[in-house]
C-alpha cells in the first residue's frame, strides 16, 4: 500500500509527519486527516474562545495532496456570564 504523511497543527503545536502511514488510496488518507482534525478540536476547544486547526496530507516530502482548516470562533453576546458584565 502507498505511504502518506499527515501533518497536523492544533494552533499550539505543529507536527510534521516523518514516518507516514499506509493507506489504500488518497481518499483513505484524507479521511484519516479529517478524523485527526476532529480529534484535535475535541481535545482543545475547552481551552479558549478561538482556535485554528490544520491538517495536510502529503504523498512525499513535497507533494501536497489535501489540506483542511477548521476555525473555531466563540463570542459571548452580552459579556462573560458571572463576570459582572
Protein backbone atom coordinates (compact mmCIF):
# COMPACT_ATOMS: atom_id res chain seq x y z
CA UNK A 1 0.00 0.00 0.00
CA UNK A 2 1.15 3.56 -0.63
CA UNK A 3 2.52 5.65 2.22
CA UNK A 4 1.01 9.03 3.03
CA UNK A 5 2.10 11.66 5.52
CA UNK A 6 -0.41 13.50 7.72
CA UNK A 7 0.85 16.79 9.17
CA UNK A 8 -1.12 18.46 11.96
CA UNK A 9 -1.29 21.84 13.66
CA UNK A 10 -3.61 22.38 16.64
CA UNK A 11 -2.93 26.10 16.95
CA UNK A 12 -0.26 25.47 19.57
CA UNK A 13 1.83 22.59 18.25
CA UNK A 14 2.73 21.82 14.65
CA UNK A 15 3.77 18.25 13.83
CA UNK A 16 5.38 17.24 10.54
CA UNK A 17 4.81 13.53 9.93
CA UNK A 18 8.18 11.98 9.07
CA UNK A 19 7.12 8.32 9.29
CA UNK A 20 3.89 8.22 7.31
CA UNK A 21 1.03 5.75 7.30
CA UNK A 22 -0.06 3.18 4.77
CA UNK A 23 -3.48 3.84 3.27
CA UNK A 24 -5.25 2.15 0.38
CA UNK A 25 -5.60 5.43 -1.54
CA UNK A 26 -5.56 9.22 -1.15
CA UNK A 27 -9.22 9.20 -0.09
CA UNK A 28 -8.45 6.96 2.87
CA UNK A 29 -5.59 9.27 3.86
CA UNK A 30 -7.97 12.25 3.61
CA UNK A 31 -10.49 10.51 5.86
CA UNK A 32 -7.77 9.89 8.47
CA UNK A 33 -6.75 13.56 8.29
CA UNK A 34 -10.34 14.66 8.87
CA UNK A 35 -10.59 12.36 11.89
CA UNK A 36 -7.35 13.88 13.23
CA UNK A 37 -8.83 17.37 12.75
CA UNK A 38 -11.97 16.36 14.65
CA UNK A 39 -9.93 14.80 17.46
CA UNK A 40 -7.68 17.87 17.81
CA UNK A 41 -10.73 20.12 18.08
CA UNK A 42 -12.41 17.85 20.63
CA UNK A 43 -9.27 17.79 22.78
CA UNK A 44 -8.50 21.52 22.63
CA UNK A 45 -11.69 23.58 22.35
CA UNK A 46 -12.43 23.86 26.08
CA UNK A 47 -9.21 25.90 26.45
CA UNK A 48 -10.36 29.15 24.89
CA UNK A 49 -12.72 31.04 22.63
CA UNK A 50 -10.82 30.79 19.37
CA UNK A 51 -8.52 28.28 17.75
CA UNK A 52 -7.40 27.26 14.26
CA UNK A 53 -6.69 23.61 13.46
CA UNK A 54 -4.98 22.40 10.29
CA UNK A 55 -4.17 19.08 8.66
CA UNK A 56 -2.34 18.26 5.46
CA UNK A 57 -1.83 15.02 3.56
CA UNK A 58 1.35 14.59 1.55
CA UNK A 59 2.39 11.81 -0.80
CA UNK A 60 6.05 12.56 -0.04
CA UNK A 61 8.21 15.38 1.30
CA UNK A 62 6.91 17.94 -1.22
CA UNK A 63 3.71 16.73 -2.85
CA UNK A 64 0.69 18.14 -1.02
CA UNK A 65 -2.47 16.17 -1.84
CA UNK A 66 -5.05 17.56 0.58
CA UNK A 67 -5.36 20.19 3.29
CA UNK A 68 -8.15 21.26 5.61
CA UNK A 69 -8.58 24.02 8.16
CA UNK A 70 -11.11 24.20 10.96
CA UNK A 71 -11.55 27.61 12.59
CA UNK A 72 -13.41 27.90 15.87
CA UNK A 73 -14.53 31.36 17.00
CA UNK A 74 -16.74 31.72 20.06
CA UNK A 75 -18.11 35.01 21.39
CA UNK A 76 -20.30 35.90 24.36
CA UNK A 77 -23.03 38.25 23.11
CA UNK A 78 -23.53 40.08 26.42
CA UNK A 79 -20.16 39.54 28.07
CA UNK A 80 -18.97 36.60 30.10
CA UNK A 81 -21.74 35.31 32.41
CA UNK A 82 -20.90 35.74 36.09
CA UNK A 83 -18.07 38.21 35.42
CA UNK A 84 -20.01 41.33 36.42
CA UNK A 85 -20.56 42.43 32.79
